[in-house]
């Protein structure tokens, strides 16, 4: 079973107006709850006079997300964060945060109207955002000689690998991140050069 899943390709903003209330919907790719908190705090700072800054997110594979959460930010319980999260889950996207900023226009929408408004705002931005595939990655620990470091970096550059960390002692120890599909080619590269390697996940 493939571990790849769709994620937002980048940031996008869409604005809708419902009965004079403005709804500014934003989508962000996110990798952690800390990032979610930072972006929510940023939205509060950016729109200090907004009535509500509501959001929902899910991290990991859609359908079996590692983590998800939502915030109604003062709207009646279940009328903002939950509808946003429902749309995210319906769109089958992972590693995604949607923030909806509301400026109240003076006309109350009622609970059903709020649910429709927040879901509609989330739908407008999630339908428009480009997607990319998040490939699951492997971490590999490699022990190598100084002469092997450059060939290792060169191999990674050509294979979507990333040398995340290098420690120098009597030899060189490198931590490499690779797409799942590169497992066997990387093992072949290491064996051809006589390098010790260990997949960490």
Protein backbone atom coordinates (compact mmCIF):
# COMPACT_ATOMS: atom_id res chain seq x y z
CA UNK A 1 0.00 0.00 0.00
CA UNK A 2 1.37 3.41 -0.98
CA UNK A 3 2.08 5.82 1.82
CA UNK A 4 1.93 8.83 -0.49
CA UNK A 5 -0.94 11.28 0.00
CA UNK A 6 -2.05 14.68 -1.37
CA UNK A 7 -1.15 17.88 0.51
CA UNK A 8 -1.64 21.58 -0.36
CA UNK A 9 1.10 22.82 -2.69
CA UNK A 10 1.21 26.19 -0.92
CA UNK A 11 -0.68 29.06 0.69
CA UNK A 12 -3.93 30.36 -0.81
CA UNK A 13 -6.58 32.88 0.31
CA UNK A 14 -10.20 33.31 -0.80
CA UNK A 15 -12.81 35.77 0.47
CA UNK A 16 -16.61 35.37 0.54
CA UNK A 17 -19.37 37.60 1.85
CA UNK A 18 -22.58 36.27 3.41
CA UNK A 19 -25.23 38.70 4.71
CA UNK A 20 -22.61 41.44 5.08
CA UNK A 21 -20.23 39.23 7.10
CA UNK A 22 -16.81 38.83 5.47
CA UNK A 23 -15.20 35.39 5.59
CA UNK A 24 -11.50 35.27 4.67
CA UNK A 25 -10.42 31.65 4.21
CA UNK A 26 -6.76 30.65 4.11
CA UNK A 27 -5.16 27.27 3.49
CA UNK A 28 -1.62 26.40 4.57
CA UNK A 29 0.51 23.26 4.34
CA UNK A 30 1.56 22.34 7.91
CA UNK A 31 3.73 19.64 9.47
CA UNK A 32 3.14 20.10 13.21
CA UNK A 33 0.73 21.38 15.85
CA UNK A 34 3.29 24.08 16.76
CA UNK A 35 3.09 25.40 13.21
CA UNK A 36 -0.73 25.46 13.48
CA UNK A 37 -0.52 27.51 16.70
CA UNK A 38 1.96 29.95 15.15
CA UNK A 39 -0.18 30.51 12.04
CA UNK A 40 -3.36 30.96 14.13
CA UNK A 41 -1.54 33.50 16.33
CA UNK A 42 -0.28 35.26 13.20
CA UNK A 43 -3.85 35.53 11.84
CA UNK A 44 -4.99 37.08 15.16
CA UNK A 45 -2.19 39.65 14.88
CA UNK A 46 -2.86 40.33 11.21
CA UNK A 47 -6.63 40.79 11.70
CA UNK A 48 -6.86 42.28 15.22
CA UNK A 49 -10.32 43.74 14.59
CA UNK A 50 -11.86 40.49 13.23
CA UNK A 51 -14.70 39.06 15.32
CA UNK A 52 -13.56 35.43 15.03
CA UNK A 53 -10.48 33.53 13.80
CA UNK A 54 -11.62 29.90 13.49
CA UNK A 55 -9.56 26.99 12.20
CA UNK A 56 -9.16 23.26 11.72
CA UNK A 57 -6.26 21.09 10.65
CA UNK A 58 -5.19 17.55 10.04
CA UNK A 59 -1.65 16.19 9.87
CA UNK A 60 -0.75 12.90 8.24
CA UNK A 61 -2.56 10.69 5.80
CA UNK A 62 -6.22 11.54 5.13
CA UNK A 63 -8.50 8.91 6.62
CA UNK A 64 -5.96 7.90 9.26
CA UNK A 65 -4.55 11.29 10.28
CA UNK A 66 -1.88 11.26 12.98
CA UNK A 67 -3.41 14.39 14.46
CA UNK A 68 -6.36 16.73 13.91
CA UNK A 69 -7.87 19.66 15.78
CA UNK A 70 -10.24 22.62 15.51
CA UNK A 71 -11.15 25.88 17.22
CA UNK A 72 -14.47 27.81 17.16
CA UNK A 73 -12.87 30.98 18.62
CA UNK A 74 -16.07 32.21 20.29
CA UNK A 75 -18.58 31.07 17.67
CA UNK A 76 -21.28 28.73 19.06
CA UNK A 77 -19.77 25.29 19.68
CA UNK A 78 -19.65 23.13 16.55
CA UNK A 79 -20.57 25.90 14.10
CA UNK A 80 -17.08 26.84 12.81
CA UNK A 81 -14.13 24.50 13.50
CA UNK A 82 -16.10 21.30 12.94
CA UNK A 83 -17.58 22.30 9.55
CA UNK A 84 -14.08 23.39 8.42
CA UNK A 85 -12.61 20.04 9.54
CA UNK A 86 -15.44 18.14 7.81
CA UNK A 87 -14.60 19.85 4.50
CA UNK A 88 -10.86 19.10 4.96
CA UNK A 89 -11.66 15.42 5.56
CA UNK A 90 -14.03 15.31 2.60
CA UNK A 91 -11.33 16.82 0.34
CA UNK A 92 -8.93 13.97 1.20
CA UNK A 93 -5.98 16.27 1.99
CA UNK A 94 -3.28 15.75 4.60
CA UNK A 95 -0.84 18.15 6.33
CA UNK A 96 -3.34 20.99 5.96
CA UNK A 97 -4.57 23.94 8.03
CA UNK A 98 -7.58 26.08 7.10
CA UNK A 99 -8.13 29.36 8.97
CA UNK A 100 -11.34 31.33 8.42
CA UNK A 101 -11.34 34.95 9.63
CA UNK A 102 -14.81 36.47 10.12
CA UNK A 103 -15.75 40.14 10.17
CA UNK A 104 -19.31 40.38 11.51
CA UNK A 105 -21.62 42.38 9.26
CA UNK A 106 -24.42 43.07 11.73
CA UNK A 107 -26.80 40.32 10.60
CA UNK A 108 -26.88 37.14 12.69
CA UNK A 109 -26.64 33.99 10.61
CA UNK A 110 -27.96 31.47 13.17
CA UNK A 111 -26.29 28.15 13.90
CA UNK A 112 -27.23 26.53 10.57
CA UNK A 113 -26.16 29.62 8.66
CA UNK A 114 -22.80 29.67 10.45
CA UNK A 115 -22.15 26.00 9.67
CA UNK A 116 -22.94 26.63 5.98
CA UNK A 117 -20.86 29.82 5.91
CA UNK A 118 -17.72 28.29 7.46
CA UNK A 119 -18.03 25.10 5.40
CA UNK A 120 -18.54 27.20 2.26
CA UNK A 121 -15.51 29.38 3.03
CA UNK A 122 -13.34 26.28 3.60
CA UNK A 123 -14.72 24.69 0.42
CA UNK A 124 -13.91 27.80 -1.65
CA UNK A 125 -10.23 27.79 -0.70
CA UNK A 126 -9.69 24.00 -0.67
CA UNK A 127 -11.28 23.61 -4.11
CA UNK A 128 -8.90 26.20 -5.54
CA UNK A 129 -5.59 25.22 -3.92
CA UNK A 130 -3.09 23.23 -5.98
CA UNK A 131 -2.12 19.83 -4.63
CA UNK A 132 1.13 17.95 -4.58
CA UNK A 133 1.92 14.44 -3.45
CA UNK A 134 3.65 14.07 -0.09
CA UNK A 135 5.87 11.06 -0.46
CA UNK A 136 6.68 9.14 2.66
CA UNK A 137 10.40 9.36 3.37
CA UNK A 138 12.97 7.11 4.96
CA UNK A 139 15.77 8.04 7.32
CA UNK A 140 19.07 6.26 6.76
CA UNK A 141 22.19 6.41 8.92
CA UNK A 142 25.36 5.94 6.83
CA UNK A 143 28.96 5.44 7.99
CA UNK A 144 31.42 6.51 5.32
CA UNK A 145 34.95 7.70 4.69
CA UNK A 146 35.78 11.34 3.96
CA UNK A 147 36.24 10.51 0.26
CA UNK A 148 32.67 9.15 0.06
CA UNK A 149 30.90 12.30 1.25
CA UNK A 150 30.88 14.10 -2.10
CA UNK A 151 29.62 11.05 -4.06
CA UNK A 152 26.89 10.60 -1.40
CA UNK A 153 25.78 14.23 -1.74
CA UNK A 154 25.85 13.91 -5.53
CA UNK A 155 23.70 10.74 -5.41
CA UNK A 156 21.19 12.48 -3.12
CA UNK A 157 20.96 15.56 -5.35
CA UNK A 158 20.01 13.35 -8.29
CA UNK A 159 17.53 11.18 -6.38
CA UNK A 160 15.50 13.64 -4.27
CA UNK A 161 17.57 12.65 -1.23
CA UNK A 162 18.62 15.06 1.49
CA UNK A 163 21.73 14.91 3.66
CA UNK A 164 20.19 16.17 6.91
CA UNK A 165 23.14 15.86 9.25
CA UNK A 166 26.85 15.00 9.05
CA UNK A 167 29.07 14.18 12.00
CA UNK A 168 32.84 14.08 11.61
CA UNK A 169 34.94 11.87 13.88
CA UNK A 170 37.45 9.23 12.84
CA UNK A 171 35.12 8.73 9.87
CA UNK A 172 31.95 10.41 8.68
CA UNK A 173 28.43 9.59 9.87
CA UNK A 174 25.55 10.99 7.82
CA UNK A 175 21.79 11.04 8.33
CA UNK A 176 20.03 10.92 4.98
CA UNK A 177 16.33 11.38 4.17
CA UNK A 178 15.03 9.60 1.06
CA UNK A 179 11.74 9.01 -0.73
CA UNK A 180 10.40 5.50 -0.07
CA UNK A 181 10.96 4.60 -3.73
CA UNK A 182 14.72 5.22 -3.39
CA UNK A 183 15.27 2.52 -0.74
CA UNK A 184 16.68 -0.13 -3.08
CA UNK A 185 18.73 2.19 -5.33
CA UNK A 186 20.31 3.75 -2.22
CA UNK A 187 21.12 0.34 -0.75
CA UNK A 188 22.77 -0.52 -4.10
CA UNK A 189 24.82 2.70 -4.03
CA UNK A 190 26.05 1.98 -0.47
CA UNK A 191 26.90 -1.63 -1.23
CA UNK A 192 28.80 -0.70 -4.39
CA UNK A 193 30.98 1.67 -2.31
CA UNK A 194 31.26 -0.64 0.70
CA UNK A 195 29.39 1.74 3.04
CA UNK A 196 27.63 0.68 6.22
CA UNK A 197 24.02 1.85 6.27
CA UNK A 198 21.00 1.37 8.50
CA UNK A 199 17.40 2.33 7.71
CA UNK A 200 15.90 3.93 10.82
CA UNK A 201 12.25 3.55 9.85
